Amino acid sequence: MHPIDPVKKAAADAAALLVEDGMRVGLGTGSTVAYLLPALAARGLRGLRCVATSVETERRAAELGLPVEPFDALDELDIAIDGADQVAPDGWIVKGGGGAHTREKAVAAAARRFVVIVGANKLVERLHPPVPLELLAFGLPATLRRLAQLGPVEVRAGWPPSPDDGVIADYRGEVGDPEELAARLAAAVGVVDHGLFPPALTHDVLIAHDAGDVEHRRMPAAS
């Protein structure tokens, strides 16, 4: 039994209060979301329809009695809630430490409101490497050769495939302008998706501090 992380729990508890009866909810992946699931289940909301971004999230949600459906059954979500590895002041976010960033981005894009929950230690002045990647297994050496023109890329040794059988890797070069890097990574043949999330995708960031208070930032997509 791992000790409770009060910062992650505070952020997750605050996010759970944003969910209402009858909502279609996207459930993220990772250690902070692990606190969200029981907090959401404890509210006893009626008529929820949930989509999970990973096998582990789906398994845990089902154990807690949260109704999880295939994403194909829902074309739009009311809210999606997920953690992040880095949050920059301009709203750019890095996700994918758990290797589920492609699904996480698809779920976030389908939500009317995407809420990111983090501890204050995830706030950065500028984004830095690594930037997670999901790559096609087909033609992987050729993909890595192309990506090497952008910067160093390392396949995660011993890491399981993504939920959709992609190869998980990390771009370890300088991030610089995240918009430019995101475009170049997305344009590289063999890249399924990358872990750079643009500011327009995120509506709210809930930031938990060591003192226990939770700061609520409204982001550009909320306007």
Protein backbone atom coordinates (compact mmCIF):
# COMPACT_ATOMS: atom_id res chain seq x y z
CA MET A 1 0.00 0.00 0.00
CA HIS A 2 1.58 3.27 -1.13
CA PRO A 3 1.35 6.27 1.22
CA ILE A 4 -1.22 8.88 0.23
CA ASP A 5 0.15 11.87 -1.68
CA PRO A 6 -1.87 14.78 -0.22
CA VAL A 7 -1.03 17.14 -3.11
CA LYS A 8 -2.22 14.78 -5.82
CA LYS A 9 -5.28 13.88 -3.76
CA ALA A 10 -6.20 17.55 -3.26
CA ALA A 11 -6.05 18.24 -7.00
CA ALA A 12 -8.07 15.12 -7.79
CA ASP A 13 -10.71 15.84 -5.15
CA ALA A 14 -11.20 19.36 -6.53
CA ALA A 15 -11.60 18.01 -10.06
CA ALA A 16 -14.15 15.40 -8.98
CA LEU A 17 -16.40 18.22 -7.76
CA LEU A 18 -16.62 19.56 -11.33
CA VAL A 19 -18.45 16.44 -12.53
CA GLU A 20 -22.25 16.43 -12.40
CA ASP A 21 -25.05 13.89 -12.83
CA GLY A 22 -25.47 12.64 -16.38
CA MET A 23 -22.11 13.84 -17.68
CA ARG A 24 -20.03 12.05 -20.29
CA VAL A 25 -16.59 11.93 -18.69
CA GLY A 26 -13.12 11.26 -20.09
CA LEU A 27 -10.85 9.62 -17.53
CA GLY A 28 -7.12 10.18 -17.93
CA THR A 29 -4.17 8.04 -16.95
CA GLY A 30 -1.47 8.29 -14.30
CA SER A 31 -0.77 8.68 -10.61
CA THR A 32 -2.92 11.78 -10.08
CA VAL A 33 -5.88 10.26 -11.92
CA ALA A 34 -5.51 7.28 -9.58
CA TYR A 35 -6.81 9.63 -6.85
CA LEU A 36 -9.54 11.02 -9.10
CA LEU A 37 -11.26 7.68 -9.68
CA PRO A 38 -12.18 6.92 -6.03
CA ALA A 39 -13.07 10.57 -5.44
CA LEU A 40 -15.45 10.47 -8.39
CA ALA A 41 -16.91 7.11 -7.39
CA ALA A 42 -17.51 8.36 -3.84
CA ARG A 43 -19.77 11.14 -5.13
CA GLY A 44 -22.39 8.60 -6.23
CA LEU A 45 -23.39 10.58 -9.30
CA ARG A 46 -26.18 9.24 -11.47
CA GLY A 47 -26.16 8.64 -15.19
CA LEU A 48 -22.42 8.99 -15.76
CA ARG A 49 -20.95 7.64 -18.99
CA CYS A 50 -17.17 7.32 -18.84
CA VAL A 51 -14.40 6.74 -21.35
CA ALA A 52 -10.98 5.53 -20.17
CA THR A 53 -7.69 6.45 -21.82
CA SER A 54 -5.84 3.29 -20.76
CA VAL A 55 -6.44 -0.31 -19.82
CA GLU A 56 -5.35 0.39 -16.23
CA THR A 57 -7.77 3.31 -15.85
CA GLU A 58 -10.59 1.21 -17.28
CA ARG A 59 -9.82 -1.65 -14.90
CA ARG A 60 -9.64 0.54 -11.82
CA ALA A 61 -12.75 2.53 -12.75
CA ALA A 62 -14.74 -0.68 -13.22
CA GLU A 63 -13.58 -1.94 -9.80
CA LEU A 64 -14.93 1.27 -8.25
CA GLY A 65 -18.27 0.96 -10.01
CA LEU A 66 -17.74 3.76 -12.54
CA PRO A 67 -19.46 2.90 -15.83
CA VAL A 68 -16.89 2.76 -18.64
CA GLU A 69 -17.89 2.53 -22.29
CA PRO A 70 -15.93 2.24 -25.55
CA PHE A 71 -14.95 5.66 -26.89
CA ASP A 72 -16.69 4.71 -30.15
CA ALA A 73 -20.03 4.94 -28.32
CA LEU A 74 -19.55 8.64 -27.50
CA ASP A 75 -18.64 11.25 -30.09
CA GLU A 76 -18.52 14.13 -27.59
CA LEU A 77 -17.67 14.39 -23.90
CA ASP A 78 -18.81 16.98 -21.38
CA ILE A 79 -15.55 16.92 -19.45
CA ALA A 80 -12.20 15.15 -19.51
CA ILE A 81 -9.82 15.14 -16.54
CA ASP A 82 -6.16 14.18 -16.68
CA GLY A 83 -2.76 14.86 -15.15
CA ALA A 84 0.33 16.36 -16.82
CA ASP A 85 4.10 16.10 -16.65
CA GLN A 86 4.80 19.79 -17.33
CA VAL A 87 2.65 22.94 -17.47
CA ALA A 88 4.17 26.13 -18.90
CA PRO A 89 2.89 29.68 -18.21
CA ASP A 90 1.66 30.07 -21.80
CA GLY A 91 -0.56 27.01 -21.48
CA TRP A 92 1.55 24.47 -23.36
CA ILE A 93 1.56 21.10 -21.63
CA VAL A 94 3.64 17.95 -21.86
CA LYS A 95 1.89 14.64 -21.24
CA GLY A 96 2.70 11.02 -21.87
CA GLY A 97 4.86 9.87 -19.00
CA GLY A 98 2.57 6.85 -18.81
CA GLY A 99 2.64 6.26 -22.56
CA ALA A 100 -1.07 6.91 -23.19
CA HIS A 101 -0.77 10.44 -24.63
CA THR A 102 -2.33 9.61 -28.02
CA ARG A 103 -5.55 8.42 -26.39
CA GLU A 104 -5.36 11.20 -23.82
CA LYS A 105 -5.15 13.82 -26.57
CA ALA A 106 -8.03 12.25 -28.50
CA VAL A 107 -10.22 12.26 -25.39
CA ALA A 108 -9.22 15.83 -24.48
CA ALA A 109 -10.06 17.04 -27.99
CA ALA A 110 -13.50 15.43 -27.79
CA ALA A 111 -14.36 17.18 -24.50
CA ARG A 112 -16.19 20.45 -24.15
CA ARG A 113 -14.03 21.05 -21.09
CA PHE A 114 -10.56 19.59 -20.57
CA VAL A 115 -9.30 19.87 -16.99
CA VAL A 116 -5.67 19.23 -16.07
CA ILE A 117 -4.85 18.33 -12.47
CA VAL A 118 -1.29 18.74 -11.17
CA GLY A 119 0.81 19.48 -8.15
CA ALA A 120 2.69 22.77 -8.17
CA ASN A 121 5.93 20.86 -8.85
CA LYS A 122 4.70 20.28 -12.43
CA LEU A 123 4.78 24.01 -13.22
CA VAL A 124 7.78 24.98 -15.37
CA GLU A 125 9.03 28.27 -16.81
CA ARG A 126 9.68 26.62 -20.18
CA LEU A 127 8.97 23.15 -21.49
CA HIS A 128 11.96 20.83 -21.47
CA PRO A 129 12.72 17.30 -22.66
CA PRO A 130 11.70 14.58 -22.70
CA VAL A 131 8.64 14.86 -24.95
CA PRO A 132 6.89 11.47 -25.17
CA LEU A 133 6.20 9.98 -28.60
CA GLU A 134 4.07 7.13 -29.86
CA LEU A 135 5.54 5.57 -33.00
CA LEU A 136 4.34 2.95 -35.45
CA ALA A 137 6.08 -0.37 -34.92
CA PHE A 138 5.97 -0.80 -38.69
CA GLY A 139 9.12 0.72 -40.18
CA LEU A 140 10.42 1.82 -36.79
CA PRO A 141 14.12 2.09 -37.80
CA ALA A 142 13.22 4.37 -40.70
CA THR A 143 11.05 6.51 -38.43
CA LEU A 144 13.86 6.87 -35.91
CA ARG A 145 16.26 7.85 -38.68
CA ARG A 146 13.91 10.61 -39.82
CA LEU A 147 13.35 11.84 -36.27
CA ALA A 148 17.10 12.01 -35.67
CA GLN A 149 17.12 15.02 -38.00
CA LEU A 150 15.07 16.89 -35.37
CA GLY A 151 17.02 15.73 -32.34
CA PRO A 152 17.85 12.66 -30.28
CA VAL A 153 15.03 10.15 -29.79
CA GLU A 154 15.18 7.12 -27.49
CA VAL A 155 12.81 4.16 -27.49
CA ARG A 156 11.85 3.33 -23.90
CA ALA A 157 13.69 0.13 -23.07
CA GLY A 158 11.44 -2.57 -21.66
CA TRP A 159 8.39 -0.35 -21.92
CA PRO A 160 5.11 -2.02 -22.92
CA PRO A 161 3.35 -0.91 -26.09
CA SER A 162 0.78 1.88 -25.98
CA PRO A 163 -2.89 0.92 -25.53
CA ASP A 164 -3.04 0.75 -29.34
CA ASP A 165 0.22 -1.22 -29.75
CA GLY A 166 2.40 1.75 -30.63
CA VAL A 167 6.06 1.99 -29.63
CA ILE A 168 6.70 4.49 -26.81
CA ALA A 169 9.76 6.72 -27.19
CA ASP A 170 10.99 10.10 -25.99
CA TYR A 171 12.28 13.09 -27.92
CA ARG A 172 15.25 14.36 -25.91
CA GLY A 173 16.33 17.36 -27.94
CA GLU A 174 15.64 20.97 -27.05
CA VAL A 175 11.97 21.95 -27.10
CA GLY A 176 12.47 25.61 -28.07
CA ASP A 177 9.25 26.88 -29.63
CA PRO A 178 6.73 24.17 -28.67
CA GLU A 179 4.38 25.06 -31.53
CA GLU A 180 7.14 24.62 -34.08
CA LEU A 181 8.36 21.36 -32.53
CA ALA A 182 4.80 20.01 -32.31
CA ALA A 183 4.29 20.69 -36.02
CA ARG A 184 7.59 19.06 -36.99
CA LEU A 185 6.96 15.98 -34.88
CA ALA A 186 3.41 15.64 -36.19
CA ALA A 187 4.67 15.88 -39.77
CA ALA A 188 7.21 13.08 -39.34
CA VAL A 189 5.97 9.91 -41.04
CA GLY A 190 5.67 7.09 -38.51
CA VAL A 191 4.83 9.33 -35.57
CA VAL A 192 1.36 8.44 -34.29
CA ASP A 193 1.31 11.42 -31.91
CA HIS A 194 3.46 13.38 -29.49
CA GLY A 195 2.98 14.59 -25.93
CA LEU A 196 2.85 18.33 -26.64
CA PHE A 197 -0.66 19.63 -25.89
CA PRO A 198 -1.39 23.15 -27.22
CA PRO A 199 -2.93 25.88 -25.02
CA ALA A 200 -6.18 25.87 -27.00
CA LEU A 201 -6.92 22.31 -25.88
CA THR A 202 -6.99 23.00 -22.12
CA HIS A 203 -9.81 24.84 -20.36
CA ASP A 204 -8.78 24.59 -16.70
CA VAL A 205 -5.69 23.71 -14.70
CA LEU A 206 -6.16 22.77 -11.04
CA ILE A 207 -2.87 23.23 -9.19
CA ALA A 208 -2.50 21.74 -5.72
CA HIS A 209 0.07 23.30 -3.40
CA ASP A 210 1.87 21.80 -0.43
CA ALA A 211 -0.28 23.79 1.99
CA GLY A 212 -3.33 21.92 0.70
CA ASP A 213 -4.95 24.76 -1.22
CA VAL A 214 -5.91 24.26 -4.86
CA GLU A 215 -5.42 27.07 -7.38
CA HIS A 216 -7.86 27.15 -10.31
CA ARG A 217 -6.50 28.65 -13.53
CA ARG A 218 -8.77 29.29 -16.49
CA MET A 219 -6.88 28.78 -19.74
CA PRO A 220 -7.23 30.23 -23.28
CA ALA A 221 -9.63 27.52 -24.46
CA ALA A 222 -12.11 28.60 -21.79
CA SER A 223 -12.66 31.98 -23.45
